[in-house]
Amino acid sequence: MIEVIAGILILLGAAFTFIAALGLVRLPDIFTRMHASTKAGVLGSSLILIAGGILFGDGGTWARVIAAIFFLLLTAPIAAHMIGRASLDEKHRPRLQK
């Protein structure tokens, strides 16, 4: 049963990671691209890490999983903010919908 739950979480994580990659390719400007990569990418990575924690299940693995998820949640918004500021400094503007 644990393997089934871990498998489902891995598939969900892979789907969200694929959505993040698709957003990087398909979205029109840097601002929407960084939004897609940070939100869906962190969620997909977190689900895959949780699946690994469930599958291996010891305390050391869970400590690493929690630390990695915390690191992702801490660094992804900061990186997106810095990319957005650098883009605005370089005079990139969001693309308006027609």
N, C-alpha and C. Protein backbone atom coordinates (compact mmCIF):
# COMPACT_ATOMS: atom_id res chain seq x y z
N MET A 1 0.82 -1.20 0.00
CA MET A 1 0.00 0.00 0.00
C MET A 1 0.86 1.26 0.00
N ILE A 2 1.98 1.22 0.71
CA ILE A 2 2.87 2.39 0.75
C ILE A 2 3.45 2.65 -0.63
N GLU A 3 3.77 1.58 -1.36
CA GLU A 3 4.32 1.75 -2.70
C GLU A 3 3.31 2.40 -3.64
N VAL A 4 2.03 2.08 -3.46
CA VAL A 4 0.99 2.67 -4.30
C VAL A 4 0.87 4.16 -4.02
N ILE A 5 0.85 4.53 -2.75
CA ILE A 5 0.77 5.95 -2.37
C ILE A 5 1.99 6.70 -2.89
N ALA A 6 3.17 6.13 -2.72
CA ALA A 6 4.39 6.77 -3.23
C ALA A 6 4.35 6.90 -4.74
N GLY A 7 3.85 5.88 -5.43
CA GLY A 7 3.74 5.94 -6.88
C GLY A 7 2.80 7.03 -7.35
N ILE A 8 1.67 7.16 -6.66
CA ILE A 8 0.71 8.21 -7.01
C ILE A 8 1.33 9.59 -6.79
N LEU A 9 2.04 9.77 -5.68
CA LEU A 9 2.70 11.05 -5.42
C LEU A 9 3.78 11.35 -6.45
N ILE A 10 4.51 10.34 -6.87
CA ILE A 10 5.54 10.54 -7.90
C ILE A 10 4.89 10.94 -9.22
N LEU A 11 3.79 10.29 -9.59
CA LEU A 11 3.09 10.65 -10.82
C LEU A 11 2.53 12.07 -10.76
N LEU A 12 1.95 12.44 -9.62
CA LEU A 12 1.45 13.80 -9.46
C LEU A 12 2.59 14.82 -9.53
N GLY A 13 3.69 14.49 -8.85
CA GLY A 13 4.85 15.38 -8.89
C GLY A 13 5.41 15.52 -10.30
N ALA A 14 5.46 14.42 -11.03
CA ALA A 14 5.95 14.47 -12.40
C ALA A 14 5.00 15.29 -13.28
N ALA A 15 3.70 15.18 -13.03
CA ALA A 15 2.73 15.95 -13.81
C ALA A 15 2.90 17.45 -13.55
N PHE A 16 3.05 17.84 -12.29
CA PHE A 16 3.25 19.25 -11.99
C PHE A 16 4.58 19.76 -12.53
N THR A 17 5.60 18.95 -12.49
CA THR A 17 6.89 19.34 -13.05
C THR A 17 6.79 19.49 -14.56
N PHE A 18 6.05 18.60 -15.21
CA PHE A 18 5.82 18.72 -16.64
C PHE A 18 5.06 19.99 -16.97
N ILE A 19 4.07 20.32 -16.16
CA ILE A 19 3.30 21.56 -16.36
C ILE A 19 4.22 22.77 -16.23
N ALA A 20 5.15 22.73 -15.26
CA ALA A 20 6.10 23.83 -15.11
C ALA A 20 6.99 23.95 -16.34
N ALA A 21 7.46 22.83 -16.86
CA ALA A 21 8.30 22.86 -18.06
C ALA A 21 7.51 23.34 -19.27
N LEU A 22 6.28 22.92 -19.37
CA LEU A 22 5.42 23.37 -20.48
C LEU A 22 5.17 24.87 -20.39
N GLY A 23 5.00 25.36 -19.17
CA GLY A 23 4.82 26.80 -18.97
C GLY A 23 6.05 27.60 -19.38
N LEU A 24 7.22 27.05 -19.12
CA LEU A 24 8.45 27.74 -19.54
C LEU A 24 8.54 27.85 -21.06
N VAL A 25 8.04 26.85 -21.75
CA VAL A 25 8.12 26.85 -23.21
C VAL A 25 7.00 27.68 -23.85
N ARG A 26 5.80 27.59 -23.29
CA ARG A 26 4.64 28.14 -23.97
C ARG A 26 4.24 29.55 -23.56
N LEU A 27 4.58 30.00 -22.37
CA LEU A 27 4.11 31.30 -21.91
C LEU A 27 4.87 32.43 -22.59
N PRO A 28 4.22 33.61 -22.74
CA PRO A 28 4.76 34.63 -23.63
C PRO A 28 5.92 35.47 -23.09
N ASP A 29 5.97 35.76 -21.80
CA ASP A 29 7.02 36.65 -21.31
C ASP A 29 7.67 36.08 -20.05
N ILE A 30 8.72 36.74 -19.63
CA ILE A 30 9.53 36.23 -18.52
C ILE A 30 8.77 36.21 -17.20
N PHE A 31 7.84 37.13 -17.03
CA PHE A 31 7.12 37.22 -15.76
C PHE A 31 6.16 36.05 -15.56
N THR A 32 5.45 35.67 -16.60
CA THR A 32 4.57 34.51 -16.48
C THR A 32 5.37 33.21 -16.47
N ARG A 33 6.51 33.19 -17.16
CA ARG A 33 7.36 32.00 -17.14
C ARG A 33 7.92 31.73 -15.76
N MET A 34 8.38 32.78 -15.08
CA MET A 34 8.95 32.55 -13.75
C MET A 34 7.85 32.16 -12.76
N HIS A 35 6.64 32.64 -12.97
CA HIS A 35 5.54 32.24 -12.11
C HIS A 35 5.26 30.74 -12.27
N ALA A 36 5.22 30.29 -13.51
CA ALA A 36 4.95 28.87 -13.76
C ALA A 36 6.06 27.99 -13.21
N SER A 37 7.29 28.42 -13.39
CA SER A 37 8.39 27.57 -12.94
C SER A 37 8.49 27.50 -11.42
N THR A 38 8.19 28.59 -10.73
CA THR A 38 8.32 28.54 -9.27
C THR A 38 7.14 27.81 -8.62
N LYS A 39 5.94 28.10 -9.04
CA LYS A 39 4.78 27.50 -8.37
C LYS A 39 4.67 26.01 -8.66
N ALA A 40 4.57 25.65 -9.92
CA ALA A 40 4.37 24.24 -10.27
C ALA A 40 5.64 23.43 -10.05
N GLY A 41 6.79 24.03 -10.26
CA GLY A 41 8.05 23.31 -10.06
C GLY A 41 8.29 22.94 -8.61
N VAL A 42 8.01 23.87 -7.70
CA VAL A 42 8.19 23.58 -6.27
C VAL A 42 7.17 22.54 -5.81
N LEU A 43 5.94 22.65 -6.27
CA LEU A 43 4.93 21.66 -5.87
C LEU A 43 5.29 20.28 -6.39
N GLY A 44 5.71 20.19 -7.64
CA GLY A 44 6.09 18.89 -8.20
C GLY A 44 7.29 18.29 -7.49
N SER A 45 8.29 19.09 -7.23
CA SER A 45 9.48 18.60 -6.52
C SER A 45 9.13 18.17 -5.10
N SER A 46 8.27 18.93 -4.44
CA SER A 46 7.87 18.59 -3.08
C SER A 46 7.11 17.27 -3.03
N LEU A 47 6.23 17.05 -3.99
CA LEU A 47 5.49 15.78 -4.02
C LEU A 47 6.41 14.59 -4.25
N ILE A 48 7.40 14.76 -5.12
CA ILE A 48 8.35 13.68 -5.36
C ILE A 48 9.20 13.42 -4.12
N LEU A 49 9.61 14.47 -3.43
CA LEU A 49 10.38 14.30 -2.20
C LEU A 49 9.55 13.61 -1.11
N ILE A 50 8.28 13.99 -0.98
CA ILE A 50 7.41 13.34 0.00
C ILE A 50 7.23 11.87 -0.33
N ALA A 51 7.13 11.55 -1.62
CA ALA A 51 7.02 10.14 -2.02
C ALA A 51 8.27 9.37 -1.59
N GLY A 52 9.44 9.97 -1.75
CA GLY A 52 10.67 9.32 -1.29
C GLY A 52 10.69 9.15 0.21
N GLY A 53 10.18 10.15 0.94
CA GLY A 53 10.10 10.03 2.39
C GLY A 53 9.16 8.93 2.83
N ILE A 54 8.04 8.81 2.14
CA ILE A 54 7.08 7.74 2.46
C ILE A 54 7.68 6.37 2.14
N LEU A 55 8.35 6.28 1.02
CA LEU A 55 8.88 5.00 0.57
C LEU A 55 10.00 4.50 1.48
N PHE A 56 10.92 5.38 1.86
CA PHE A 56 12.04 4.94 2.69
C PHE A 56 11.71 5.04 4.17
N GLY A 57 11.00 6.07 4.59
CA GLY A 57 10.33 6.11 5.87
C GLY A 57 11.12 6.25 7.15
N ASP A 58 12.44 6.32 7.14
CA ASP A 58 13.14 6.46 8.41
C ASP A 58 13.30 7.95 8.76
N GLY A 59 13.72 8.22 9.96
CA GLY A 59 13.80 9.59 10.46
C GLY A 59 14.81 10.45 9.71
N GLY A 60 15.93 9.87 9.34
CA GLY A 60 16.94 10.62 8.60
C GLY A 60 16.45 11.07 7.24
N THR A 61 15.72 10.20 6.58
CA THR A 61 15.18 10.54 5.26
C THR A 61 14.15 11.65 5.38
N TRP A 62 13.28 11.55 6.40
CA TRP A 62 12.27 12.59 6.59
C TRP A 62 12.90 13.92 6.93
N ALA A 63 13.97 13.90 7.69
CA ALA A 63 14.66 15.16 8.00
C ALA A 63 15.20 15.80 6.73
N ARG A 64 15.77 15.00 5.85
CA ARG A 64 16.28 15.52 4.58
C ARG A 64 15.15 16.01 3.69
N VAL A 65 14.05 15.28 3.67
CA VAL A 65 12.89 15.68 2.85
C VAL A 65 12.36 17.02 3.34
N ILE A 66 12.16 17.16 4.63
CA ILE A 66 11.64 18.41 5.18
C ILE A 66 12.61 19.55 4.94
N ALA A 67 13.91 19.30 5.10
CA ALA A 67 14.90 20.35 4.85
C ALA A 67 14.90 20.76 3.39
N ALA A 68 14.80 19.81 2.48
CA ALA A 68 14.80 20.13 1.05
C ALA A 68 13.55 20.91 0.66
N ILE A 69 12.39 20.51 1.17
CA ILE A 69 11.16 21.24 0.87
C ILE A 69 11.22 22.65 1.45
N PHE A 70 11.72 22.78 2.66
CA PHE A 70 11.87 24.10 3.27
C PHE A 70 12.81 24.97 2.42
N PHE A 71 13.91 24.39 1.95
CA PHE A 71 14.86 25.12 1.11
C PHE A 71 14.20 25.56 -0.19
N LEU A 72 13.41 24.68 -0.82
CA LEU A 72 12.72 25.04 -2.05
C LEU A 72 11.70 26.16 -1.81
N LEU A 73 10.93 26.04 -0.73
CA LEU A 73 9.93 27.07 -0.43
C LEU A 73 10.56 28.40 -0.06
N LEU A 74 11.77 28.35 0.47
CA LEU A 74 12.45 29.58 0.84
C LEU A 74 13.14 30.24 -0.35
N THR A 75 13.76 29.47 -1.20
CA THR A 75 14.57 30.05 -2.27
C THR A 75 13.81 30.34 -3.56
N ALA A 76 12.80 29.59 -3.89
CA ALA A 76 12.09 29.79 -5.16
C ALA A 76 11.42 31.17 -5.25
N PRO A 77 10.69 31.63 -4.24
CA PRO A 77 10.10 32.97 -4.35
C PRO A 77 11.16 34.08 -4.39
N ILE A 78 12.24 33.91 -3.66
CA ILE A 78 13.30 34.92 -3.67
C ILE A 78 13.96 34.97 -5.04
N ALA A 79 14.22 33.81 -5.62
CA ALA A 79 14.81 33.78 -6.96
C ALA A 79 13.87 34.39 -7.99
N ALA A 80 12.59 34.10 -7.91
CA ALA A 80 11.62 34.66 -8.85
C ALA A 80 11.55 36.18 -8.69
N HIS A 81 11.60 36.66 -7.46
CA HIS A 81 11.57 38.09 -7.22
C HIS A 81 12.80 38.77 -7.82
N MET A 82 13.96 38.17 -7.63
CA MET A 82 15.19 38.75 -8.16
C MET A 82 15.22 38.72 -9.70
N ILE A 83 14.70 37.65 -10.29
CA ILE A 83 14.61 37.59 -11.75
C ILE A 83 13.65 38.67 -12.26
N GLY A 84 12.54 38.84 -11.59
CA GLY A 84 11.58 39.87 -11.99
C GLY A 84 12.15 41.28 -11.88
N ARG A 85 12.87 41.54 -10.81
CA ARG A 85 13.49 42.87 -10.65
C ARG A 85 14.56 43.10 -11.70
N ALA A 86 15.37 42.09 -11.97
CA ALA A 86 16.40 42.24 -13.00
C ALA A 86 15.76 42.46 -14.37
N SER A 87 14.65 41.79 -14.64
CA SER A 87 13.97 41.97 -15.91
C SER A 87 13.40 43.38 -16.05
N LEU A 88 12.84 43.89 -14.97
CA LEU A 88 12.34 45.27 -15.01
C LEU A 88 13.48 46.27 -15.16
N ASP A 89 14.61 46.00 -14.53
CA ASP A 89 15.76 46.88 -14.68
C ASP A 89 16.28 46.90 -16.11
N GLU A 90 16.13 45.79 -16.80
CA GLU A 90 16.55 45.70 -18.20
C GLU A 90 15.45 46.14 -19.16
N LYS A 91 14.43 46.78 -18.63
CA LYS A 91 13.33 47.36 -19.41
C LYS A 91 12.43 46.34 -20.10
N HIS A 92 12.36 45.13 -19.56
CA HIS A 92 11.37 44.17 -20.05
C HIS A 92 10.03 44.52 -19.43
N ARG A 93 9.00 44.46 -20.21
CA ARG A 93 7.67 44.77 -19.71
C ARG A 93 6.76 43.55 -19.94
N PRO A 94 5.79 43.38 -19.07
CA PRO A 94 4.85 42.24 -19.29
C PRO A 94 4.09 42.41 -20.59
N ARG A 95 3.87 41.30 -21.25
CA ARG A 95 3.12 41.30 -22.50
C ARG A 95 1.63 41.39 -22.17
N LEU A 96 0.94 42.32 -22.78
CA LEU A 96 -0.49 42.50 -22.52
C LEU A 96 -1.30 41.62 -23.43
N GLN A 97 -2.40 41.10 -22.90
CA GLN A 97 -3.30 40.26 -23.68
C GLN A 97 -4.10 41.13 -24.64
N LYS A 98 -4.37 40.63 -25.84
CA LYS A 98 -5.17 41.39 -26.81
C LYS A 98 -6.55 40.81 -26.90
